[in-house]
Amino acid sequence: MSMVKRGGCAVKRLLVLFSLPFALLVAGPANADPSPAEVDYLSYLAAQRVGGTADSLLHVGYDACSGLQQGTQAPVVAMTLFNDAQTSGSGLTMQDASAVVGGAAAFLCPGH
C-alpha cells in the first residue's frame, strides 16, 4: 500500500514539474516592454495631452480597436469610451476619447 501512495506522490510531483513551464509560458512576462507601435501610440497621446498610465491607455486603445474592428464608427467608439470612463471615474474626457480612437486606429490597429 505504501508503494501506491508513494507512486501517487511521484506522479503529482511530475505533473507539477511539467506543468510549471507551461504555466509560465502562457502567463507571459509581467511587464513586457511596449511594442514600437505601442510606443508611437503613447507618444501620440502624450502630444495630445491625454493623461493616464501607459497600461490604462493601452487597455483603452485596444478596446477602441475592438470596436473599430467590429465595424463601429470612430465617433461611436469614442462616445462609448467616454461613457465607460464616466462610469469608472477614470477622467477620460470626450476630447481624450477621440484622441485615443484616432491614435489606436493609426498605431495599434491600422487597417482595422
Protein backbone atom coordinates (compact mmCIF):
# COMPACT_ATOMS: atom_id res chain seq x y z
CA MET A 1 0.00 0.00 0.00
CA SER A 2 2.78 2.42 0.82
CA MET A 3 4.25 1.97 -2.69
CA VAL A 4 0.97 3.01 -4.30
CA LYS A 5 0.80 6.07 -2.08
CA ARG A 6 4.42 6.95 -2.78
CA GLY A 7 3.90 6.39 -6.53
CA GLY A 8 0.92 8.75 -6.47
CA CYS A 9 3.06 11.48 -4.93
CA ALA A 10 5.70 10.96 -7.59
CA VAL A 11 3.08 11.32 -10.32
CA LYS A 12 1.80 14.53 -8.71
CA ARG A 13 5.33 15.90 -8.49
CA LEU A 14 5.98 15.10 -12.15
CA LEU A 15 2.69 16.70 -13.13
CA VAL A 16 3.57 19.88 -11.24
CA LEU A 17 7.12 19.83 -12.60
CA PHE A 18 5.95 19.58 -16.21
CA SER A 19 3.02 21.98 -15.90
CA LEU A 20 5.03 24.83 -14.33
CA PRO A 21 6.97 25.76 -17.51
CA PHE A 22 3.72 25.66 -19.50
CA ALA A 23 2.01 27.95 -16.98
CA LEU A 24 4.91 30.41 -17.17
CA LEU A 25 4.81 30.32 -20.97
CA VAL A 26 1.08 31.02 -21.07
CA ALA A 27 1.28 33.78 -18.47
CA GLY A 28 3.97 35.68 -20.35
CA PRO A 29 6.10 38.41 -18.88
CA ALA A 30 4.52 40.53 -16.17
CA ASN A 31 5.72 43.89 -17.51
CA ALA A 32 6.63 43.41 -21.14
CA ASP A 33 8.18 46.33 -22.94
CA PRO A 34 5.74 48.08 -25.26
CA SER A 35 6.00 47.33 -28.96
CA PRO A 36 7.15 50.09 -31.34
CA ALA A 37 3.51 50.65 -32.37
CA GLU A 38 2.51 50.98 -28.71
CA VAL A 39 5.33 53.48 -28.10
CA ASP A 40 4.14 55.54 -31.09
CA TYR A 41 0.56 55.40 -29.80
CA LEU A 42 1.60 56.50 -26.31
CA SER A 43 3.77 59.29 -27.77
CA TYR A 44 0.83 60.47 -29.86
CA LEU A 45 -1.42 60.56 -26.79
CA ALA A 46 1.25 62.43 -24.81
CA ALA A 47 1.42 65.03 -27.60
CA GLN A 48 -2.37 65.32 -27.38
CA ARG A 49 -2.02 65.77 -23.60
CA VAL A 50 -4.08 62.70 -22.77
CA GLY A 51 -3.35 61.70 -19.18
CA GLY A 52 -3.18 58.23 -17.72
CA THR A 53 -0.79 55.37 -17.14
CA ALA A 54 0.68 53.55 -20.10
CA ASP A 55 -1.15 50.37 -19.09
CA SER A 56 -4.53 52.07 -18.85
CA LEU A 57 -4.06 53.96 -22.12
CA LEU A 58 -3.02 50.77 -23.91
CA HIS A 59 -6.03 48.96 -22.46
CA VAL A 60 -8.40 51.68 -23.67
CA GLY A 61 -6.63 51.78 -27.04
CA TYR A 62 -7.12 48.06 -27.58
CA ASP A 63 -10.76 48.46 -26.52
CA ALA A 64 -11.05 51.09 -29.25
CA CYS A 65 -9.51 48.66 -31.75
CA SER A 66 -12.09 46.03 -30.80
CA GLY A 67 -14.90 48.46 -31.51
CA LEU A 68 -13.39 49.60 -34.79
CA GLN A 69 -12.74 46.03 -35.93
CA GLN A 70 -16.40 45.21 -35.28
CA GLY A 71 -17.33 47.93 -37.74
CA THR A 72 -18.42 50.57 -35.23
CA GLN A 73 -17.81 54.11 -36.46
CA ALA A 74 -15.00 56.03 -34.72
CA PRO A 75 -17.26 58.70 -33.14
CA VAL A 76 -19.45 55.98 -31.62
CA VAL A 77 -16.38 54.17 -30.26
CA ALA A 78 -15.14 57.44 -28.74
CA MET A 79 -18.53 58.08 -27.13
CA THR A 80 -18.55 54.55 -25.71
CA LEU A 81 -15.06 55.04 -24.24
CA PHE A 82 -16.13 58.38 -22.78
CA ASN A 83 -19.27 56.88 -21.22
CA ASP A 84 -17.25 53.98 -19.78
CA ALA A 85 -14.77 56.49 -18.34
CA GLN A 86 -17.59 58.42 -16.68
CA THR A 87 -18.84 55.21 -15.07
CA SER A 88 -15.38 54.14 -13.89
CA GLY A 89 -14.25 57.63 -12.89
CA SER A 90 -11.05 57.46 -14.95
CA GLY A 91 -11.31 61.11 -16.01
CA LEU A 92 -11.12 60.49 -19.76
CA THR A 93 -12.74 63.46 -21.48
CA MET A 94 -14.56 63.29 -24.81
CA GLN A 95 -11.55 65.00 -26.42
CA ASP A 96 -9.25 62.39 -24.83
CA ALA A 97 -11.50 59.56 -26.02
CA SER A 98 -11.42 60.92 -29.56
CA ALA A 99 -7.61 61.11 -29.41
CA VAL A 100 -7.47 57.52 -28.11
CA VAL A 101 -9.59 56.29 -31.02
CA GLY A 102 -7.53 58.24 -33.55
CA GLY A 103 -4.27 57.00 -32.07
CA ALA A 104 -5.50 53.42 -31.86
CA ALA A 105 -6.64 53.50 -35.49
CA ALA A 106 -3.31 54.92 -36.61
CA PHE A 107 -0.91 52.88 -34.49
CA LEU A 108 -2.49 49.89 -32.72
CA CYS A 109 -4.89 48.56 -35.32
CA PRO A 110 -4.13 50.21 -38.65
CA GLY A 111 -6.34 48.97 -41.45
CA HIS A 112 -8.96 47.88 -38.94
